[in-house]
């Protein structure tokens, strides 16, 4: 009986480990940006090499367009390329889901696990489709940024066949999780108030940096209220204590749960011996 139990536990542990590796890089640690709070526009004949004409979504993906053709990622390619086997498929480093390649599915970043992703052109009807502008404007998309493991909502609002003008709305990165520890010493104390007072009315870039506790991009009275509500907290991992503010505790990920299950099963197997 004990031998059977050990074999059974070994099989279950192996299955969980396979699941863990399957999740790694795909479901573990992904980011989901939801909504359409950010707008970007490139005007006709604007120079795509200028930063103002590039939507620098992350360090890895900078979307733009020439005077014709499709979108491309100027961070890693010099111009638009059609999908394989003819070209590499622009914008490189991205995959797209729309209602055209996901009929009956809810096209939303929060629903990414149920969506099928393809290259940009295929997601909007295929290479050489004369109806591409209509498809772009009629179909919301979820874009997967491969290197960043990020899913975001996007919808086109303008697309010009000549001149290269286009515009869209997309989700913005969620504000960073802040703690009120403005001087980063591990404790929310009077020293953080000093940082807030000395930088009051200044702009915070990126959001949530410095004394921007409410992550709205400006050091203001809201950041004082944020600090005051957390005064006395000691952050986990600091030299002075192990308390972590409740709003900073992350939910356990699927990877963590799988790993915990493997550890627990191995412990049971050792006890059964």
C-alpha atoms as a PDB file:
ATOM      1  CA  UNK A   1       0.000   0.000   0.000  1.00  0.00           C
ATOM      2  CA  UNK A   2       2.800   2.426   0.898  1.00  0.00           C
ATOM      3  CA  UNK A   3       4.613   1.610  -2.333  1.00  0.00           C
ATOM      4  CA  UNK A   4       1.462   2.361  -4.322  1.00  0.00           C
ATOM      5  CA  UNK A   5       1.007   5.624  -2.430  1.00  0.00           C
ATOM      6  CA  UNK A   6       4.567   6.690  -3.128  1.00  0.00           C
ATOM      7  CA  UNK A   7       4.183   5.915  -6.835  1.00  0.00           C
ATOM      8  CA  UNK A   8       0.880   7.757  -6.973  1.00  0.00           C
ATOM      9  CA  UNK A   9       2.346  10.832  -5.293  1.00  0.00           C
ATOM     10  CA  UNK A  10       5.336  10.746  -7.628  1.00  0.00           C
ATOM     11  CA  UNK A  11       3.041  10.740 -10.677  1.00  0.00           C
ATOM     12  CA  UNK A  12       0.959  13.604  -9.310  1.00  0.00           C
ATOM     13  CA  UNK A  13       4.082  15.628  -8.465  1.00  0.00           C
ATOM     14  CA  UNK A  14       5.471  15.085 -11.961  1.00  0.00           C
ATOM     15  CA  UNK A  15       2.175  16.196 -13.517  1.00  0.00           C
ATOM     16  CA  UNK A  16       2.148  19.364 -11.424  1.00  0.00           C
ATOM     17  CA  UNK A  17       5.734  20.147 -12.347  1.00  0.00           C
ATOM     18  CA  UNK A  18       4.917  19.792 -16.042  1.00  0.00           C
ATOM     19  CA  UNK A  19       2.008  22.180 -15.515  1.00  0.00           C
ATOM     20  CA  UNK A  20       4.301  24.577 -13.726  1.00  0.00           C
ATOM     21  CA  UNK A  21       6.748  24.704 -16.623  1.00  0.00           C
ATOM     22  CA  UNK A  22       3.862  25.059 -19.059  1.00  0.00           C
ATOM     23  CA  UNK A  23       2.690  28.128 -17.205  1.00  0.00           C
ATOM     24  CA  UNK A  24       6.183  29.607 -16.966  1.00  0.00           C
ATOM     25  CA  UNK A  25       6.588  32.575 -19.318  1.00  0.00           C
ATOM     26  CA  UNK A  26       2.969  32.382 -20.437  1.00  0.00           C
ATOM     27  CA  UNK A  27       0.610  32.622 -17.509  1.00  0.00           C
ATOM     28  CA  UNK A  28       3.082  33.365 -14.733  1.00  0.00           C
ATOM     29  CA  UNK A  29       3.723  37.013 -14.121  1.00  0.00           C
ATOM     30  CA  UNK A  30       1.737  38.322 -17.085  1.00  0.00           C
ATOM     31  CA  UNK A  31       0.402  41.864 -16.997  1.00  0.00           C
ATOM     32  CA  UNK A  32      -3.099  42.843 -18.103  1.00  0.00           C
ATOM     33  CA  UNK A  33      -3.817  46.447 -19.080  1.00  0.00           C
ATOM     34  CA  UNK A  34      -7.528  47.047 -19.375  1.00  0.00           C
ATOM     35  CA  UNK A  35      -9.583  49.872 -20.871  1.00  0.00           C
ATOM     36  CA  UNK A  36      -8.918  52.682 -23.359  1.00  0.00           C
ATOM     37  CA  UNK A  37      -7.485  55.495 -21.271  1.00  0.00           C
ATOM     38  CA  UNK A  38      -4.528  56.414 -23.529  1.00  0.00           C
ATOM     39  CA  UNK A  39      -4.796  57.967 -27.013  1.00  0.00           C
ATOM     40  CA  UNK A  40      -2.096  58.040 -29.676  1.00  0.00           C
ATOM     41  CA  UNK A  41      -2.114  59.669 -33.121  1.00  0.00           C
ATOM     42  CA  UNK A  42       0.398  59.937 -35.957  1.00  0.00           C
ATOM     43  CA  UNK A  43      -0.490  62.511 -38.596  1.00  0.00           C
ATOM     44  CA  UNK A  44      -0.142  62.067 -42.344  1.00  0.00           C
ATOM     45  CA  UNK A  45       3.452  62.258 -43.601  1.00  0.00           C
ATOM     46  CA  UNK A  46       4.843  62.667 -40.075  1.00  0.00           C
ATOM     47  CA  UNK A  47       8.383  61.324 -39.702  1.00  0.00           C
ATOM     48  CA  UNK A  48       8.176  57.889 -38.012  1.00  0.00           C
ATOM     49  CA  UNK A  49      11.773  58.230 -36.789  1.00  0.00           C
ATOM     50  CA  UNK A  50      10.784  61.008 -34.370  1.00  0.00           C
ATOM     51  CA  UNK A  51       9.796  59.876 -30.867  1.00  0.00           C
ATOM     52  CA  UNK A  52       6.667  62.048 -31.015  1.00  0.00           C
ATOM     53  CA  UNK A  53       5.372  59.835 -33.833  1.00  0.00           C
ATOM     54  CA  UNK A  54       6.036  56.571 -32.016  1.00  0.00           C
ATOM     55  CA  UNK A  55       3.805  55.034 -29.395  1.00  0.00           C
ATOM     56  CA  UNK A  56       6.444  53.743 -27.008  1.00  0.00           C
ATOM     57  CA  UNK A  57       4.236  51.303 -25.151  1.00  0.00           C
ATOM     58  CA  UNK A  58       7.154  49.576 -23.410  1.00  0.00           C
ATOM     59  CA  UNK A  59      10.929  49.492 -23.826  1.00  0.00           C
ATOM     60  CA  UNK A  60      10.435  46.690 -26.376  1.00  0.00           C
ATOM     61  CA  UNK A  61       7.488  47.899 -28.458  1.00  0.00           C
ATOM     62  CA  UNK A  62       7.376  51.302 -30.205  1.00  0.00           C
ATOM     63  CA  UNK A  63       4.545  51.330 -32.737  1.00  0.00           C
ATOM     64  CA  UNK A  64       4.540  53.679 -35.721  1.00  0.00           C
ATOM     65  CA  UNK A  65       3.838  53.725 -39.460  1.00  0.00           C
ATOM     66  CA  UNK A  66       5.394  55.124 -42.629  1.00  0.00           C
ATOM     67  CA  UNK A  67       3.542  57.137 -45.266  1.00  0.00           C
ATOM     68  CA  UNK A  68       1.817  53.943 -46.371  1.00  0.00           C
ATOM     69  CA  UNK A  69       1.721  50.280 -45.445  1.00  0.00           C
ATOM     70  CA  UNK A  70       1.045  48.881 -42.018  1.00  0.00           C
ATOM     71  CA  UNK A  71       2.168  49.244 -38.447  1.00  0.00           C
ATOM     72  CA  UNK A  72       5.672  48.295 -37.442  1.00  0.00           C
ATOM     73  CA  UNK A  73       7.769  48.194 -34.285  1.00  0.00           C
ATOM     74  CA  UNK A  74      10.507  50.747 -34.896  1.00  0.00           C
ATOM     75  CA  UNK A  75      12.353  49.565 -31.794  1.00  0.00           C
ATOM     76  CA  UNK A  76      13.325  46.359 -33.583  1.00  0.00           C
ATOM     77  CA  UNK A  77      12.547  46.824 -37.311  1.00  0.00           C
ATOM     78  CA  UNK A  78      13.169  49.643 -39.777  1.00  0.00           C
ATOM     79  CA  UNK A  79       9.902  49.409 -41.688  1.00  0.00           C
ATOM     80  CA  UNK A  80       6.742  47.465 -42.343  1.00  0.00           C
ATOM     81  CA  UNK A  81       7.061  43.804 -43.296  1.00  0.00           C
ATOM     82  CA  UNK A  82       4.257  41.550 -44.542  1.00  0.00           C
ATOM     83  CA  UNK A  83       3.577  38.261 -42.714  1.00  0.00           C
ATOM     84  CA  UNK A  84       5.566  35.055 -43.336  1.00  0.00           C
ATOM     85  CA  UNK A  85       6.538  33.360 -45.525  1.00  0.00           C
ATOM     86  CA  UNK A  86       7.188  36.524 -47.557  1.00  0.00           C
ATOM     87  CA  UNK A  87       8.289  38.717 -44.638  1.00  0.00           C
ATOM     88  CA  UNK A  88       8.790  38.541 -40.891  1.00  0.00           C
ATOM     89  CA  UNK A  89       5.409  40.085 -40.079  1.00  0.00           C
ATOM     90  CA  UNK A  90       5.002  43.495 -38.496  1.00  0.00           C
ATOM     91  CA  UNK A  91       4.834  44.766 -35.892  1.00  0.00           C
ATOM     92  CA  UNK A  92       7.392  42.270 -34.610  1.00  0.00           C
ATOM     93  CA  UNK A  93       7.130  41.350 -30.949  1.00  0.00           C
ATOM     94  CA  UNK A  94       3.335  41.592 -30.969  1.00  0.00           C
ATOM     95  CA  UNK A  95       0.402  39.237 -31.449  1.00  0.00           C
ATOM     96  CA  UNK A  96      -3.212  40.297 -31.958  1.00  0.00           C
ATOM     97  CA  UNK A  97      -6.698  39.024 -31.222  1.00  0.00           C
ATOM     98  CA  UNK A  98      -9.875  40.478 -32.740  1.00  0.00           C
ATOM     99  CA  UNK A  99     -13.428  39.289 -33.324  1.00  0.00           C
ATOM    100  CA  UNK A 100     -12.326  38.242 -36.820  1.00  0.00           C
ATOM    101  CA  UNK A 101     -10.021  35.527 -35.509  1.00  0.00           C
ATOM    102  CA  UNK A 102     -12.043  34.969 -32.339  1.00  0.00           C
ATOM    103  CA  UNK A 103     -15.711  34.817 -33.341  1.00  0.00           C
ATOM    104  CA  UNK A 104     -18.151  34.639 -30.405  1.00  0.00           C
ATOM    105  CA  UNK A 105     -15.360  35.532 -27.956  1.00  0.00           C
ATOM    106  CA  UNK A 106     -15.242  38.618 -25.728  1.00  0.00           C
ATOM    107  CA  UNK A 107     -12.399  40.770 -27.059  1.00  0.00           C
ATOM    108  CA  UNK A 108     -10.925  42.143 -23.851  1.00  0.00           C
ATOM    109  CA  UNK A 109      -7.508  41.903 -22.250  1.00  0.00           C
ATOM    110  CA  UNK A 110      -9.097  40.474 -19.127  1.00  0.00           C
ATOM    111  CA  UNK A 111     -10.278  37.546 -21.283  1.00  0.00           C
ATOM    112  CA  UNK A 112      -6.849  36.819 -22.789  1.00  0.00           C
ATOM    113  CA  UNK A 113      -6.787  33.179 -21.682  1.00  0.00           C
ATOM    114  CA  UNK A 114      -9.721  32.407 -23.997  1.00  0.00           C
ATOM    115  CA  UNK A 115      -8.402  34.205 -27.080  1.00  0.00           C
ATOM    116  CA  UNK A 116      -6.405  33.035 -30.084  1.00  0.00           C
ATOM    117  CA  UNK A 117      -3.609  35.386 -31.179  1.00  0.00           C
ATOM    118  CA  UNK A 118      -2.133  35.819 -34.654  1.00  0.00           C
ATOM    119  CA  UNK A 119      -0.022  38.405 -36.486  1.00  0.00           C
ATOM    120  CA  UNK A 120      -1.508  41.878 -36.957  1.00  0.00           C
ATOM    121  CA  UNK A 121      -2.566  41.490 -40.612  1.00  0.00           C
ATOM    122  CA  UNK A 122      -4.231  38.111 -40.100  1.00  0.00           C
ATOM    123  CA  UNK A 123      -6.110  39.375 -37.066  1.00  0.00           C
ATOM    124  CA  UNK A 124      -7.752  42.027 -39.265  1.00  0.00           C
ATOM    125  CA  UNK A 125      -8.676  39.896 -42.249  1.00  0.00           C
ATOM    126  CA  UNK A 126      -5.477  38.856 -44.004  1.00  0.00           C
ATOM    127  CA  UNK A 127      -2.751  40.234 -46.248  1.00  0.00           C
ATOM    128  CA  UNK A 128      -3.912  42.262 -49.246  1.00  0.00           C
ATOM    129  CA  UNK A 129      -7.477  42.730 -47.973  1.00  0.00           C
ATOM    130  CA  UNK A 130      -8.857  45.900 -49.563  1.00  0.00           C
ATOM    131  CA  UNK A 131     -11.321  46.178 -46.691  1.00  0.00           C
ATOM    132  CA  UNK A 132      -8.539  46.463 -44.089  1.00  0.00           C
ATOM    133  CA  UNK A 133      -9.347  50.056 -42.984  1.00  0.00           C
ATOM    134  CA  UNK A 134     -12.968  49.093 -42.334  1.00  0.00           C
ATOM    135  CA  UNK A 135     -11.889  46.023 -40.401  1.00  0.00           C
ATOM    136  CA  UNK A 136      -9.457  48.074 -38.323  1.00  0.00           C
ATOM    137  CA  UNK A 137     -12.068  50.609 -37.302  1.00  0.00           C
ATOM    138  CA  UNK A 138     -14.819  48.073 -36.679  1.00  0.00           C
ATOM    139  CA  UNK A 139     -12.980  45.609 -34.465  1.00  0.00           C
ATOM    140  CA  UNK A 140     -11.457  46.113 -31.042  1.00  0.00           C
ATOM    141  CA  UNK A 141      -8.274  44.189 -30.376  1.00  0.00           C
ATOM    142  CA  UNK A 142      -6.246  42.672 -27.600  1.00  0.00           C
ATOM    143  CA  UNK A 143      -2.528  43.040 -28.230  1.00  0.00           C
ATOM    144  CA  UNK A 144       0.011  40.694 -26.679  1.00  0.00           C
ATOM    145  CA  UNK A 145       3.463  42.217 -26.163  1.00  0.00           C
ATOM    146  CA  UNK A 146       5.553  39.081 -26.264  1.00  0.00           C
ATOM    147  CA  UNK A 147       8.787  40.219 -24.601  1.00  0.00           C
ATOM    148  CA  UNK A 148       6.863  42.016 -21.861  1.00  0.00           C
ATOM    149  CA  UNK A 149       4.290  39.228 -21.340  1.00  0.00           C
ATOM    150  CA  UNK A 150       1.605  41.915 -21.378  1.00  0.00           C
ATOM    151  CA  UNK A 151      -1.941  41.939 -22.755  1.00  0.00           C
ATOM    152  CA  UNK A 152      -3.676  45.245 -23.497  1.00  0.00           C
ATOM    153  CA  UNK A 153      -6.889  46.551 -25.031  1.00  0.00           C
ATOM    154  CA  UNK A 154      -6.635  48.621 -28.236  1.00  0.00           C
ATOM    155  CA  UNK A 155      -9.089  50.087 -30.766  1.00  0.00           C
ATOM    156  CA  UNK A 156      -8.300  52.080 -33.920  1.00  0.00           C
ATOM    157  CA  UNK A 157     -10.127  55.367 -34.426  1.00  0.00           C
ATOM    158  CA  UNK A 158      -8.417  56.618 -37.637  1.00  0.00           C
ATOM    159  CA  UNK A 159      -6.610  54.925 -40.533  1.00  0.00           C
ATOM    160  CA  UNK A 160      -5.545  56.755 -43.722  1.00  0.00           C
ATOM    161  CA  UNK A 161      -4.609  54.777 -46.800  1.00  0.00           C
ATOM    162  CA  UNK A 162      -2.227  57.478 -48.057  1.00  0.00           C
ATOM    163  CA  UNK A 163      -0.069  59.637 -45.847  1.00  0.00           C
ATOM    164  CA  UNK A 164       0.314  57.094 -43.079  1.00  0.00           C
ATOM    165  CA  UNK A 165      -1.959  58.798 -40.582  1.00  0.00           C
ATOM    166  CA  UNK A 166      -3.582  56.661 -37.914  1.00  0.00           C
ATOM    167  CA  UNK A 167      -4.868  56.915 -34.387  1.00  0.00           C
ATOM    168  CA  UNK A 168      -5.999  54.542 -31.694  1.00  0.00           C
ATOM    169  CA  UNK A 169      -6.979  54.314 -28.079  1.00  0.00           C
ATOM    170  CA  UNK A 170      -5.435  51.715 -25.829  1.00  0.00           C
ATOM    171  CA  UNK A 171      -5.049  50.701 -22.239  1.00  0.00           C
ATOM    172  CA  UNK A 172      -2.300  52.327 -20.219  1.00  0.00           C
ATOM    173  CA  UNK A 173      -0.031  50.580 -17.764  1.00  0.00           C
ATOM    174  CA  UNK A 174      -1.677  50.413 -14.350  1.00  0.00           C
ATOM    175  CA  UNK A 175      -0.105  52.709 -11.765  1.00  0.00           C
ATOM    176  CA  UNK A 176       2.632  51.103  -9.684  1.00  0.00           C
ATOM    177  CA  UNK A 177       1.862  49.774  -6.231  1.00  0.00           C
ATOM    178  CA  UNK A 178       3.049  52.406  -3.786  1.00  0.00           C
ATOM    179  CA  UNK A 179       3.531  52.182  -0.019  1.00  0.00           C
ATOM    180  CA  UNK A 180       4.066  55.695   1.319  1.00  0.00           C
ATOM    181  CA  UNK A 181       7.761  55.009   1.946  1.00  0.00           C
ATOM    182  CA  UNK A 182       8.920  58.031  -0.016  1.00  0.00           C
ATOM    183  CA  UNK A 183      12.586  57.893   1.079  1.00  0.00           C
ATOM    184  CA  UNK A 184      12.771  54.093   0.645  1.00  0.00           C
ATOM    185  CA  UNK A 185      14.130  53.328   4.115  1.00  0.00           C
ATOM    186  CA  UNK A 186      11.589  50.573   4.788  1.00  0.00           C
ATOM    187  CA  UNK A 187       9.464  52.577   7.250  1.00  0.00           C
ATOM    188  CA  UNK A 188       6.627  55.035   6.681  1.00  0.00           C
ATOM    189  CA  UNK A 189       7.756  57.773   9.063  1.00  0.00           C
ATOM    190  CA  UNK A 190       8.383  61.507   9.427  1.00  0.00           C
ATOM    191  CA  UNK A 191      11.281  61.365   6.964  1.00  0.00           C
ATOM    192  CA  UNK A 192       8.787  60.540   4.218  1.00  0.00           C
ATOM    193  CA  UNK A 193       6.822  63.663   5.093  1.00  0.00           C
ATOM    194  CA  UNK A 194       9.985  65.705   4.560  1.00  0.00           C
ATOM    195  CA  UNK A 195      10.394  64.217   1.066  1.00  0.00           C
ATOM    196  CA  UNK A 196       6.762  65.036   0.285  1.00  0.00           C
ATOM    197  CA  UNK A 197       7.052  68.619   1.570  1.00  0.00           C
ATOM    198  CA  UNK A 198      10.284  69.293  -0.329  1.00  0.00           C
ATOM    199  CA  UNK A 199       8.861  68.058  -3.646  1.00  0.00           C
ATOM    200  CA  UNK A 200       5.302  69.368  -3.336  1.00  0.00           C
ATOM    201  CA  UNK A 201       3.790  70.425  -6.722  1.00  0.00           C
ATOM    202  CA  UNK A 202       6.545  68.684  -8.693  1.00  0.00           C
ATOM    203  CA  UNK A 203       5.823  66.190 -11.454  1.00  0.00           C
ATOM    204  CA  UNK A 204       6.507  62.510 -10.790  1.00  0.00           C
ATOM    205  CA  UNK A 205       7.892  60.451 -13.659  1.00  0.00           C
ATOM    206  CA  UNK A 206       7.249  57.591 -13.802  1.00  0.00           C
ATOM    207  CA  UNK A 207       3.945  57.591 -11.967  1.00  0.00           C
ATOM    208  CA  UNK A 208       4.300  56.509  -8.348  1.00  0.00           C
ATOM    209  CA  UNK A 209       7.926  57.562  -8.037  1.00  0.00           C
ATOM    210  CA  UNK A 210       9.241  59.807  -5.278  1.00  0.00           C
ATOM    211  CA  UNK A 211       6.439  61.094  -3.067  1.00  0.00           C
ATOM    212  CA  UNK A 212       3.694  60.335  -5.586  1.00  0.00           C
ATOM    213  CA  UNK A 213       1.847  57.949  -3.291  1.00  0.00           C
ATOM    214  CA  UNK A 214      -1.446  58.034  -5.195  1.00  0.00           C
ATOM    215  CA  UNK A 215       0.391  57.620  -8.515  1.00  0.00           C
ATOM    216  CA  UNK A 216      -1.369  60.495 -10.300  1.00  0.00           C
ATOM    217  CA  UNK A 217       1.857  62.021 -11.625  1.00  0.00           C
ATOM    218  CA  UNK A 218       1.949  65.077  -9.352  1.00  0.00           C
ATOM    219  CA  UNK A 219       3.162  65.538  -5.780  1.00  0.00           C
ATOM    220  CA  UNK A 220       0.053  66.976  -4.156  1.00  0.00           C
ATOM    221  CA  UNK A 221      -2.138  66.884  -1.053  1.00  0.00           C
ATOM    222  CA  UNK A 222      -3.412  63.441  -1.982  1.00  0.00           C
ATOM    223  CA  UNK A 223       0.086  62.079  -1.453  1.00  0.00           C
ATOM    224  CA  UNK A 224       0.153  63.574   2.038  1.00  0.00           C
ATOM    225  CA  UNK A 225      -3.140  61.805   2.831  1.00  0.00           C
ATOM    226  CA  UNK A 226      -1.709  58.585   1.375  1.00  0.00           C
ATOM    227  CA  UNK A 227       1.367  58.853   3.614  1.00  0.00           C
ATOM    228  CA  UNK A 228      -0.613  59.798   6.742  1.00  0.00           C
ATOM    229  CA  UNK A 229      -2.970  56.801   6.371  1.00  0.00           C
ATOM    230  CA  UNK A 230       0.055  54.465   6.413  1.00  0.00           C
ATOM    231  CA  UNK A 231       2.216  56.229   8.963  1.00  0.00           C
ATOM    232  CA  UNK A 232       4.055  53.737  11.169  1.00  0.00           C
ATOM    233  CA  UNK A 233       3.943  50.816   8.734  1.00  0.00           C
ATOM    234  CA  UNK A 234       7.144  48.824   8.356  1.00  0.00           C
ATOM    235  CA  UNK A 235       7.646  47.118   5.000  1.00  0.00           C
ATOM    236  CA  UNK A 236       8.382  43.437   4.582  1.00  0.00           C
ATOM    237  CA  UNK A 237      12.049  42.675   4.077  1.00  0.00           C
ATOM    238  CA  UNK A 238      13.271  45.847   5.736  1.00  0.00           C
ATOM    239  CA  UNK A 239      15.836  45.713   8.522  1.00  0.00           C
ATOM    240  CA  UNK A 240      13.388  47.177  11.039  1.00  0.00           C
ATOM    241  CA  UNK A 241      10.494  44.807  10.742  1.00  0.00           C
ATOM    242  CA  UNK A 242       8.348  42.487   8.679  1.00  0.00           C
ATOM    243  CA  UNK A 243       4.989  44.238   8.479  1.00  0.00           C
ATOM    244  CA  UNK A 244       3.571  44.728   4.996  1.00  0.00           C
ATOM    245  CA  UNK A 245       0.643  47.029   4.379  1.00  0.00           C
ATOM    246  CA  UNK A 246      -2.442  45.017   3.502  1.00  0.00           C
ATOM    247  CA  UNK A 247      -2.940  46.688   0.131  1.00  0.00           C
ATOM    248  CA  UNK A 248       0.535  45.576  -0.961  1.00  0.00           C
ATOM    249  CA  UNK A 249       0.027  41.839  -0.434  1.00  0.00           C
ATOM    250  CA  UNK A 250      -0.174  40.136  -3.848  1.00  0.00           C
ATOM    251  CA  UNK A 251      -2.636  37.391  -4.630  1.00  0.00           C
ATOM    252  CA  UNK A 252      -0.990  33.961  -5.011  1.00  0.00           C
ATOM    253  CA  UNK A 253      -0.328  33.175  -8.644  1.00  0.00           C
ATOM    254  CA  UNK A 254      -1.103  29.879 -10.320  1.00  0.00           C
ATOM    255  CA  UNK A 255       2.632  29.168 -10.425  1.00  0.00           C
ATOM    256  CA  UNK A 256       2.980  29.661  -6.687  1.00  0.00           C
ATOM    257  CA  UNK A 257       0.009  27.418  -6.002  1.00  0.00           C
ATOM    258  CA  UNK A 258       1.366  24.658  -8.227  1.00  0.00           C
ATOM    259  CA  UNK A 259       4.790  24.863  -6.637  1.00  0.00           C
ATOM    260  CA  UNK A 260       3.270  24.736  -3.161  1.00  0.00           C
ATOM    261  CA  UNK A 261       1.294  21.658  -4.134  1.00  0.00           C
ATOM    262  CA  UNK A 262       4.437  19.917  -5.369  1.00  0.00           C
ATOM    263  CA  UNK A 263       6.281  20.677  -2.132  1.00  0.00           C
ATOM    264  CA  UNK A 264       3.363  19.436  -0.041  1.00  0.00           C
ATOM    265  CA  UNK A 265       3.057  16.190  -1.996  1.00  0.00           C
ATOM    266  CA  UNK A 266       6.766  15.512  -1.680  1.00  0.00           C
ATOM    267  CA  UNK A 267       6.531  16.047   2.059  1.00  0.00           C
ATOM    268  CA  UNK A 268       3.657  13.540   2.288  1.00  0.00           C
ATOM    269  CA  UNK A 269       5.666  11.045   0.250  1.00  0.00           C
ATOM    270  CA  UNK A 270       8.614  11.334   2.632  1.00  0.00           C
ATOM    271  CA  UNK A 271       6.356  10.843   5.647  1.00  0.00           C
ATOM    272  CA  UNK A 272       4.755   7.745   4.049  1.00  0.00           C
ATOM    273  CA  UNK A 273       8.149   6.069   3.946  1.00  0.00           C
END
